[in-house]
């Protein structure tokens, strides 16, 4: 038998099993999306997913902040008081082992460190129920509150800084919805999204959007990537030989995403 594909995206059927409370949200954004057609039938997440190794990057500090609905969220951040911009990084599906230590999230943070030299900071955080973050999985809608809390913490800590969002897989829907709710998000990079992650809200965020696609992504065909980019008004960059996890191409992802989310660092 072939290797089982893991679902990086939420399904409405998971909502009642994993959501611990009803969440009332700003602008009533956090409803469960209707499922859209996809290039494959997505399987259920693993019961015992493999977690990435924990990694703290030079200059990062551990911090905690609270969401609007009262959960304490764990994060690692580099927030120089003089930073001109802060990027909030959103990780993939928590039920498939996604954490703030995911390889794509880590390579983005490392690239920001290499290029930023204190001009651009970041926050990477664990969604509710992941690591030492309180709460339970929220079927992609409650996690928007976690991203909003991270953005609020960035604004509190470095008030003058511009804000960006970068997100991978499941996190792309979380980040896009958070950008709609907050009016001060300057730009958004969506790495390996799918039509499943963003449905009714397409086009509601009016800032610059980048879509970084994998040419061999089983969850989103080349045509689906083009269609989604068009509907989002996004620039589209495709790494043709990559699959969904971007093995061997992760620095290439960072080389595309970081200049977009932090244009101050462009050569």
C-alpha atoms as a PDB file:
ATOM      1  CA  UNK A   1       0.000   0.000   0.000  1.00  0.00           C
ATOM      2  CA  UNK A   2       1.095   3.573  -0.626  1.00  0.00           C
ATOM      3  CA  UNK A   3       1.955   6.041   2.060  1.00  0.00           C
ATOM      4  CA  UNK A   4      -1.119   7.446   3.774  1.00  0.00           C
ATOM      5  CA  UNK A   5      -1.572  11.165   3.135  1.00  0.00           C
ATOM      6  CA  UNK A   6      -2.225  13.282   6.199  1.00  0.00           C
ATOM      7  CA  UNK A   7      -4.856  15.983   6.136  1.00  0.00           C
ATOM      8  CA  UNK A   8      -3.421  19.464   6.716  1.00  0.00           C
ATOM      9  CA  UNK A   9      -6.871  21.029   6.700  1.00  0.00           C
ATOM     10  CA  UNK A  10      -9.898  21.141   9.020  1.00  0.00           C
ATOM     11  CA  UNK A  11     -13.181  19.355   8.566  1.00  0.00           C
ATOM     12  CA  UNK A  12     -16.506  20.367  10.067  1.00  0.00           C
ATOM     13  CA  UNK A  13     -17.017  16.841  11.417  1.00  0.00           C
ATOM     14  CA  UNK A  14     -14.172  17.364  13.908  1.00  0.00           C
ATOM     15  CA  UNK A  15     -15.694  20.462  15.464  1.00  0.00           C
ATOM     16  CA  UNK A  16     -17.902  18.964  18.177  1.00  0.00           C
ATOM     17  CA  UNK A  17     -15.311  16.376  19.197  1.00  0.00           C
ATOM     18  CA  UNK A  18     -12.493  18.816  19.853  1.00  0.00           C
ATOM     19  CA  UNK A  19     -14.060  22.217  20.641  1.00  0.00           C
ATOM     20  CA  UNK A  20     -14.490  22.675  24.383  1.00  0.00           C
ATOM     21  CA  UNK A  21     -16.749  25.711  24.319  1.00  0.00           C
ATOM     22  CA  UNK A  22     -18.729  27.905  21.976  1.00  0.00           C
ATOM     23  CA  UNK A  23     -16.611  30.849  20.875  1.00  0.00           C
ATOM     24  CA  UNK A  24     -18.065  34.286  20.189  1.00  0.00           C
ATOM     25  CA  UNK A  25     -15.693  36.267  18.044  1.00  0.00           C
ATOM     26  CA  UNK A  26     -15.124  39.701  16.508  1.00  0.00           C
ATOM     27  CA  UNK A  27     -17.230  40.116  13.346  1.00  0.00           C
ATOM     28  CA  UNK A  28     -18.560  36.547  13.759  1.00  0.00           C
ATOM     29  CA  UNK A  29     -15.669  35.257  11.625  1.00  0.00           C
ATOM     30  CA  UNK A  30     -14.981  31.925  13.229  1.00  0.00           C
ATOM     31  CA  UNK A  31     -17.607  29.675  11.728  1.00  0.00           C
ATOM     32  CA  UNK A  32     -16.728  26.318  10.191  1.00  0.00           C
ATOM     33  CA  UNK A  33     -16.165  26.553   6.455  1.00  0.00           C
ATOM     34  CA  UNK A  34     -18.208  24.480   4.028  1.00  0.00           C
ATOM     35  CA  UNK A  35     -16.033  21.824   2.466  1.00  0.00           C
ATOM     36  CA  UNK A  36     -15.000  22.508  -1.096  1.00  0.00           C
ATOM     37  CA  UNK A  37     -13.914  20.110  -3.816  1.00  0.00           C
ATOM     38  CA  UNK A  38     -10.296  19.003  -3.581  1.00  0.00           C
ATOM     39  CA  UNK A  39      -7.817  17.049  -5.622  1.00  0.00           C
ATOM     40  CA  UNK A  40      -7.837  14.140  -3.132  1.00  0.00           C
ATOM     41  CA  UNK A  41     -10.072  12.760  -0.416  1.00  0.00           C
ATOM     42  CA  UNK A  42      -8.380  13.888   2.779  1.00  0.00           C
ATOM     43  CA  UNK A  43      -7.977  11.273   5.539  1.00  0.00           C
ATOM     44  CA  UNK A  44      -8.493  11.863   9.226  1.00  0.00           C
ATOM     45  CA  UNK A  45      -5.571  13.141  11.320  1.00  0.00           C
ATOM     46  CA  UNK A  46      -3.374  10.624  13.130  1.00  0.00           C
ATOM     47  CA  UNK A  47      -4.258   9.646  16.690  1.00  0.00           C
ATOM     48  CA  UNK A  48      -0.604   9.850  17.806  1.00  0.00           C
ATOM     49  CA  UNK A  49       1.169  12.177  15.382  1.00  0.00           C
ATOM     50  CA  UNK A  50       4.929  12.572  15.373  1.00  0.00           C
ATOM     51  CA  UNK A  51       5.969  15.961  16.756  1.00  0.00           C
ATOM     52  CA  UNK A  52       8.869  17.987  15.390  1.00  0.00           C
ATOM     53  CA  UNK A  53      11.876  18.485  17.685  1.00  0.00           C
ATOM     54  CA  UNK A  54      11.714  21.593  19.839  1.00  0.00           C
ATOM     55  CA  UNK A  55      14.079  24.343  18.773  1.00  0.00           C
ATOM     56  CA  UNK A  56      14.771  27.767  20.237  1.00  0.00           C
ATOM     57  CA  UNK A  57      16.479  30.170  17.842  1.00  0.00           C
ATOM     58  CA  UNK A  58      19.163  32.606  18.958  1.00  0.00           C
ATOM     59  CA  UNK A  59      17.605  35.783  20.297  1.00  0.00           C
ATOM     60  CA  UNK A  60      14.193  34.272  20.980  1.00  0.00           C
ATOM     61  CA  UNK A  61      12.462  34.702  24.318  1.00  0.00           C
ATOM     62  CA  UNK A  62       9.731  32.521  25.737  1.00  0.00           C
ATOM     63  CA  UNK A  63       6.491  34.333  26.396  1.00  0.00           C
ATOM     64  CA  UNK A  64       2.837  33.703  27.156  1.00  0.00           C
ATOM     65  CA  UNK A  65      -0.240  35.784  26.387  1.00  0.00           C
ATOM     66  CA  UNK A  66      -3.994  35.305  26.673  1.00  0.00           C
ATOM     67  CA  UNK A  67      -6.662  35.042  24.009  1.00  0.00           C
ATOM     68  CA  UNK A  68      -9.925  36.950  23.978  1.00  0.00           C
ATOM     69  CA  UNK A  69     -11.682  33.864  25.369  1.00  0.00           C
ATOM     70  CA  UNK A  70      -9.194  33.443  28.196  1.00  0.00           C
ATOM     71  CA  UNK A  71      -6.686  30.784  27.131  1.00  0.00           C
ATOM     72  CA  UNK A  72      -2.966  31.114  27.875  1.00  0.00           C
ATOM     73  CA  UNK A  73      -0.890  30.699  24.710  1.00  0.00           C
ATOM     74  CA  UNK A  74       2.755  29.623  24.560  1.00  0.00           C
ATOM     75  CA  UNK A  75       5.106  31.403  22.150  1.00  0.00           C
ATOM     76  CA  UNK A  76       8.698  32.103  21.196  1.00  0.00           C
ATOM     77  CA  UNK A  77       9.519  35.568  19.937  1.00  0.00           C
ATOM     78  CA  UNK A  78      12.235  37.952  18.867  1.00  0.00           C
ATOM     79  CA  UNK A  79      10.885  41.440  19.519  1.00  0.00           C
ATOM     80  CA  UNK A  80      13.548  44.119  19.507  1.00  0.00           C
ATOM     81  CA  UNK A  81      12.092  47.450  20.707  1.00  0.00           C
ATOM     82  CA  UNK A  82      13.475  49.086  17.563  1.00  0.00           C
ATOM     83  CA  UNK A  83      11.878  46.586  15.133  1.00  0.00           C
ATOM     84  CA  UNK A  84      10.204  48.178  12.137  1.00  0.00           C
ATOM     85  CA  UNK A  85       8.012  45.136  11.519  1.00  0.00           C
ATOM     86  CA  UNK A  86       6.853  42.004  13.338  1.00  0.00           C
ATOM     87  CA  UNK A  87       5.800  38.828  11.503  1.00  0.00           C
ATOM     88  CA  UNK A  88       3.415  36.411  13.220  1.00  0.00           C
ATOM     89  CA  UNK A  89       4.042  32.832  12.044  1.00  0.00           C
ATOM     90  CA  UNK A  90       1.202  30.268  12.065  1.00  0.00           C
ATOM     91  CA  UNK A  91       1.932  26.543  12.129  1.00  0.00           C
ATOM     92  CA  UNK A  92       0.164  23.606  10.394  1.00  0.00           C
ATOM     93  CA  UNK A  93      -2.515  21.214  11.632  1.00  0.00           C
ATOM     94  CA  UNK A  94      -2.166  20.470  15.369  1.00  0.00           C
ATOM     95  CA  UNK A  95      -3.815  17.061  15.034  1.00  0.00           C
ATOM     96  CA  UNK A  96      -1.138  16.027  12.536  1.00  0.00           C
ATOM     97  CA  UNK A  97       1.714  17.106  14.827  1.00  0.00           C
ATOM     98  CA  UNK A  98       1.849  20.748  13.808  1.00  0.00           C
ATOM     99  CA  UNK A  99       3.556  23.006  16.360  1.00  0.00           C
ATOM    100  CA  UNK A 100       5.534  26.250  16.377  1.00  0.00           C
ATOM    101  CA  UNK A 101       8.613  24.037  15.865  1.00  0.00           C
ATOM    102  CA  UNK A 102       7.424  22.906  12.424  1.00  0.00           C
ATOM    103  CA  UNK A 103      10.259  22.995   9.886  1.00  0.00           C
ATOM    104  CA  UNK A 104       8.648  25.639   7.663  1.00  0.00           C
ATOM    105  CA  UNK A 105       7.923  27.924  10.626  1.00  0.00           C
ATOM    106  CA  UNK A 106      11.473  27.499  11.940  1.00  0.00           C
ATOM    107  CA  UNK A 107      13.113  28.191   8.587  1.00  0.00           C
ATOM    108  CA  UNK A 108      11.073  31.403   8.232  1.00  0.00           C
ATOM    109  CA  UNK A 109      12.183  32.567  11.683  1.00  0.00           C
ATOM    110  CA  UNK A 110      15.810  31.700  10.960  1.00  0.00           C
ATOM    111  CA  UNK A 111      15.708  33.611   7.696  1.00  0.00           C
ATOM    112  CA  UNK A 112      14.226  36.635   9.450  1.00  0.00           C
ATOM    113  CA  UNK A 113      17.090  36.455  11.950  1.00  0.00           C
ATOM    114  CA  UNK A 114      19.702  36.170   9.196  1.00  0.00           C
ATOM    115  CA  UNK A 115      18.308  39.032   7.165  1.00  0.00           C
ATOM    116  CA  UNK A 116      16.596  41.162   9.784  1.00  0.00           C
ATOM    117  CA  UNK A 117      19.421  42.193  12.118  1.00  0.00           C
ATOM    118  CA  UNK A 118      16.882  43.554  14.607  1.00  0.00           C
ATOM    119  CA  UNK A 119      14.807  45.419  12.027  1.00  0.00           C
ATOM    120  CA  UNK A 120      12.159  42.694  11.755  1.00  0.00           C
ATOM    121  CA  UNK A 121      10.944  40.613  14.691  1.00  0.00           C
ATOM    122  CA  UNK A 122       8.645  37.611  14.858  1.00  0.00           C
ATOM    123  CA  UNK A 123       6.311  35.627  17.072  1.00  0.00           C
ATOM    124  CA  UNK A 124       5.758  31.907  16.541  1.00  0.00           C
ATOM    125  CA  UNK A 125       3.194  30.339  18.841  1.00  0.00           C
ATOM    126  CA  UNK A 126       1.386  27.107  19.650  1.00  0.00           C
ATOM    127  CA  UNK A 127      -2.340  27.001  18.996  1.00  0.00           C
ATOM    128  CA  UNK A 128      -4.613  26.167  21.914  1.00  0.00           C
ATOM    129  CA  UNK A 129      -4.117  22.608  23.116  1.00  0.00           C
ATOM    130  CA  UNK A 130      -0.604  22.365  21.636  1.00  0.00           C
ATOM    131  CA  UNK A 131       2.502  22.201  23.839  1.00  0.00           C
ATOM    132  CA  UNK A 132       1.933  24.375  26.896  1.00  0.00           C
ATOM    133  CA  UNK A 133      -0.905  26.366  25.354  1.00  0.00           C
ATOM    134  CA  UNK A 134      -4.181  25.950  27.213  1.00  0.00           C
ATOM    135  CA  UNK A 135      -7.434  24.776  25.632  1.00  0.00           C
ATOM    136  CA  UNK A 136      -8.383  22.248  22.971  1.00  0.00           C
ATOM    137  CA  UNK A 137      -8.344  22.023  19.204  1.00  0.00           C
ATOM    138  CA  UNK A 138     -10.917  24.388  17.701  1.00  0.00           C
ATOM    139  CA  UNK A 139     -11.435  23.125  14.115  1.00  0.00           C
ATOM    140  CA  UNK A 140      -9.540  26.136  12.650  1.00  0.00           C
ATOM    141  CA  UNK A 141     -11.995  28.736  13.938  1.00  0.00           C
ATOM    142  CA  UNK A 142     -10.970  29.076  17.603  1.00  0.00           C
ATOM    143  CA  UNK A 143      -7.322  29.118  16.477  1.00  0.00           C
ATOM    144  CA  UNK A 144      -8.036  32.478  14.835  1.00  0.00           C
ATOM    145  CA  UNK A 145      -8.352  33.886  18.350  1.00  0.00           C
ATOM    146  CA  UNK A 146      -4.863  32.558  19.071  1.00  0.00           C
ATOM    147  CA  UNK A 147      -3.452  34.350  16.023  1.00  0.00           C
ATOM    148  CA  UNK A 148      -5.296  37.527  16.979  1.00  0.00           C
ATOM    149  CA  UNK A 149      -3.793  37.332  20.466  1.00  0.00           C
ATOM    150  CA  UNK A 150      -0.306  36.967  18.966  1.00  0.00           C
ATOM    151  CA  UNK A 151      -0.886  40.034  16.782  1.00  0.00           C
ATOM    152  CA  UNK A 152      -2.133  41.975  19.801  1.00  0.00           C
ATOM    153  CA  UNK A 153       0.972  40.968  21.766  1.00  0.00           C
ATOM    154  CA  UNK A 154       3.187  42.131  18.899  1.00  0.00           C
ATOM    155  CA  UNK A 155       1.371  45.468  18.828  1.00  0.00           C
ATOM    156  CA  UNK A 156       1.630  45.803  22.618  1.00  0.00           C
ATOM    157  CA  UNK A 157       5.340  45.017  22.702  1.00  0.00           C
ATOM    158  CA  UNK A 158       6.464  46.972  19.612  1.00  0.00           C
ATOM    159  CA  UNK A 159       3.707  49.529  19.093  1.00  0.00           C
ATOM    160  CA  UNK A 160       5.081  51.391  16.028  1.00  0.00           C
ATOM    161  CA  UNK A 161       5.944  48.232  14.061  1.00  0.00           C
ATOM    162  CA  UNK A 162       4.080  47.138  10.948  1.00  0.00           C
ATOM    163  CA  UNK A 163       2.489  43.675  11.160  1.00  0.00           C
ATOM    164  CA  UNK A 164       2.699  40.731   8.766  1.00  0.00           C
ATOM    165  CA  UNK A 165       1.356  37.188   8.837  1.00  0.00           C
ATOM    166  CA  UNK A 166       2.982  34.107   7.344  1.00  0.00           C
ATOM    167  CA  UNK A 167       1.295  30.724   7.566  1.00  0.00           C
ATOM    168  CA  UNK A 168       1.718  27.176   6.354  1.00  0.00           C
ATOM    169  CA  UNK A 169      -0.942  24.616   5.374  1.00  0.00           C
ATOM    170  CA  UNK A 170      -3.793  24.552   7.963  1.00  0.00           C
ATOM    171  CA  UNK A 171      -2.400  27.826   9.306  1.00  0.00           C
ATOM    172  CA  UNK A 172      -3.202  29.679   6.078  1.00  0.00           C
ATOM    173  CA  UNK A 173      -6.914  29.733   6.823  1.00  0.00           C
ATOM    174  CA  UNK A 174      -6.229  30.837  10.399  1.00  0.00           C
ATOM    175  CA  UNK A 175      -3.939  33.656   9.260  1.00  0.00           C
ATOM    176  CA  UNK A 176      -6.213  34.902   6.485  1.00  0.00           C
ATOM    177  CA  UNK A 177      -9.207  35.169   8.817  1.00  0.00           C
ATOM    178  CA  UNK A 178      -7.100  36.925  11.459  1.00  0.00           C
ATOM    179  CA  UNK A 179      -5.949  39.448   8.846  1.00  0.00           C
ATOM    180  CA  UNK A 180      -9.578  40.222   8.009  1.00  0.00           C
ATOM    181  CA  UNK A 181     -10.487  40.821  11.650  1.00  0.00           C
ATOM    182  CA  UNK A 182      -7.508  43.074  12.389  1.00  0.00           C
ATOM    183  CA  UNK A 183      -7.241  46.137  10.194  1.00  0.00           C
ATOM    184  CA  UNK A 184      -3.534  46.729  10.868  1.00  0.00           C
ATOM    185  CA  UNK A 185      -2.067  43.622   9.202  1.00  0.00           C
ATOM    186  CA  UNK A 186       0.111  44.956   6.411  1.00  0.00           C
ATOM    187  CA  UNK A 187       0.553  41.784   4.302  1.00  0.00           C
ATOM    188  CA  UNK A 188      -0.018  38.025   4.353  1.00  0.00           C
ATOM    189  CA  UNK A 189       1.972  35.094   2.919  1.00  0.00           C
ATOM    190  CA  UNK A 190       0.064  31.812   2.514  1.00  0.00           C
ATOM    191  CA  UNK A 191       2.305  28.757   2.060  1.00  0.00           C
ATOM    192  CA  UNK A 192       0.674  25.603   0.639  1.00  0.00           C
ATOM    193  CA  UNK A 193      -2.938  26.634   1.146  1.00  0.00           C
ATOM    194  CA  UNK A 194      -5.927  24.832  -0.345  1.00  0.00           C
ATOM    195  CA  UNK A 195      -9.406  25.857  -1.476  1.00  0.00           C
ATOM    196  CA  UNK A 196     -10.550  24.147   1.736  1.00  0.00           C
ATOM    197  CA  UNK A 197      -8.775  26.643   3.989  1.00  0.00           C
ATOM    198  CA  UNK A 198     -10.389  29.807   2.655  1.00  0.00           C
ATOM    199  CA  UNK A 199     -13.959  29.741   1.402  1.00  0.00           C
ATOM    200  CA  UNK A 200     -16.548  32.434   2.040  1.00  0.00           C
ATOM    201  CA  UNK A 201     -13.958  35.021   3.117  1.00  0.00           C
ATOM    202  CA  UNK A 202     -12.043  35.120  -0.177  1.00  0.00           C
ATOM    203  CA  UNK A 203     -11.237  38.714  -1.071  1.00  0.00           C
ATOM    204  CA  UNK A 204     -12.269  40.211   2.280  1.00  0.00           C
ATOM    205  CA  UNK A 205      -8.660  41.013   3.156  1.00  0.00           C
ATOM    206  CA  UNK A 206      -7.568  43.858   0.879  1.00  0.00           C
ATOM    207  CA  UNK A 207      -3.840  44.069   1.645  1.00  0.00           C
ATOM    208  CA  UNK A 208      -1.075  42.393  -0.356  1.00  0.00           C
ATOM    209  CA  UNK A 209      -1.270  38.575  -0.384  1.00  0.00           C
ATOM    210  CA  UNK A 210       1.312  36.070  -1.554  1.00  0.00           C
ATOM    211  CA  UNK A 211       0.598  32.417  -2.295  1.00  0.00           C
ATOM    212  CA  UNK A 212       3.575  30.016  -2.270  1.00  0.00           C
ATOM    213  CA  UNK A 213       2.510  26.705  -3.817  1.00  0.00           C
ATOM    214  CA  UNK A 214       4.115  23.285  -4.182  1.00  0.00           C
ATOM    215  CA  UNK A 215       3.966  22.073  -7.770  1.00  0.00           C
ATOM    216  CA  UNK A 216       3.342  18.480  -6.656  1.00  0.00           C
ATOM    217  CA  UNK A 217       1.016  19.197  -3.730  1.00  0.00           C
ATOM    218  CA  UNK A 218      -1.579  16.382  -3.539  1.00  0.00           C
ATOM    219  CA  UNK A 219      -3.974  18.671  -1.647  1.00  0.00           C
ATOM    220  CA  UNK A 220      -4.031  21.489  -4.205  1.00  0.00           C
ATOM    221  CA  UNK A 221      -3.513  21.055  -7.940  1.00  0.00           C
ATOM    222  CA  UNK A 222      -1.686  23.601 -10.084  1.00  0.00           C
ATOM    223  CA  UNK A 223      -5.001  24.833 -11.458  1.00  0.00           C
ATOM    224  CA  UNK A 224      -6.498  25.100  -7.970  1.00  0.00           C
ATOM    225  CA  UNK A 225      -3.483  27.184  -6.890  1.00  0.00           C
ATOM    226  CA  UNK A 226      -3.936  29.503  -9.876  1.00  0.00           C
ATOM    227  CA  UNK A 227      -7.662  29.841  -9.228  1.00  0.00           C
ATOM    228  CA  UNK A 228      -7.160  30.541  -5.533  1.00  0.00           C
ATOM    229  CA  UNK A 229      -4.477  33.141  -6.226  1.00  0.00           C
ATOM    230  CA  UNK A 230      -6.772  34.854  -8.706  1.00  0.00           C
ATOM    231  CA  UNK A 231      -9.682  34.904  -6.249  1.00  0.00           C
ATOM    232  CA  UNK A 232      -7.432  36.277  -3.499  1.00  0.00           C
ATOM    233  CA  UNK A 233      -5.796  38.843  -5.765  1.00  0.00           C
ATOM    234  CA  UNK A 234      -2.522  37.240  -4.686  1.00  0.00           C
ATOM    235  CA  UNK A 235       0.870  36.962  -6.315  1.00  0.00           C
ATOM    236  CA  UNK A 236       1.623  33.286  -7.006  1.00  0.00           C
ATOM    237  CA  UNK A 237       5.027  31.654  -6.635  1.00  0.00           C
ATOM    238  CA  UNK A 238       5.324  27.936  -7.393  1.00  0.00           C
ATOM    239  CA  UNK A 239       8.163  25.597  -6.426  1.00  0.00           C
ATOM    240  CA  UNK A 240       7.541  23.101  -9.199  1.00  0.00           C
ATOM    241  CA  UNK A 241       9.333  20.019  -7.809  1.00  0.00           C
ATOM    242  CA  UNK A 242       8.088  20.367  -4.223  1.00  0.00           C
ATOM    243  CA  UNK A 243       5.401  18.349  -2.472  1.00  0.00           C
ATOM    244  CA  UNK A 244       3.229  19.638   0.357  1.00  0.00           C
ATOM    245  CA  UNK A 245       5.939  19.368   3.041  1.00  0.00           C
ATOM    246  CA  UNK A 246       8.599  21.098   0.871  1.00  0.00           C
ATOM    247  CA  UNK A 247      11.330  18.623   1.850  1.00  0.00           C
ATOM    248  CA  UNK A 248      14.586  19.818   0.188  1.00  0.00           C
ATOM    249  CA  UNK A 249      12.911  23.122  -0.722  1.00  0.00           C
ATOM    250  CA  UNK A 250      12.325  24.790   2.657  1.00  0.00           C
ATOM    251  CA  UNK A 251      15.019  27.430   2.333  1.00  0.00           C
ATOM    252  CA  UNK A 252      13.536  28.171  -1.067  1.00  0.00           C
ATOM    253  CA  UNK A 253      10.194  28.769   0.625  1.00  0.00           C
ATOM    254  CA  UNK A 254      11.856  31.195   3.060  1.00  0.00           C
ATOM    255  CA  UNK A 255      13.649  32.950   0.196  1.00  0.00           C
ATOM    256  CA  UNK A 256      10.267  33.609  -1.418  1.00  0.00           C
ATOM    257  CA  UNK A 257       8.190  34.392   1.680  1.00  0.00           C
ATOM    258  CA  UNK A 258      10.548  36.531   3.774  1.00  0.00           C
ATOM    259  CA  UNK A 259      11.109  39.332   1.218  1.00  0.00           C
ATOM    260  CA  UNK A 260       7.336  39.508   0.826  1.00  0.00           C
ATOM    261  CA  UNK A 261       6.399  39.648   4.508  1.00  0.00           C
ATOM    262  CA  UNK A 262       9.347  41.930   5.273  1.00  0.00           C
ATOM    263  CA  UNK A 263       9.926  44.130   2.207  1.00  0.00           C
ATOM    264  CA  UNK A 264      12.294  46.265   4.299  1.00  0.00           C
ATOM    265  CA  UNK A 265      14.799  43.423   3.909  1.00  0.00           C
ATOM    266  CA  UNK A 266      14.613  43.181   0.128  1.00  0.00           C
ATOM    267  CA  UNK A 267      18.006  43.799  -1.530  1.00  0.00           C
END
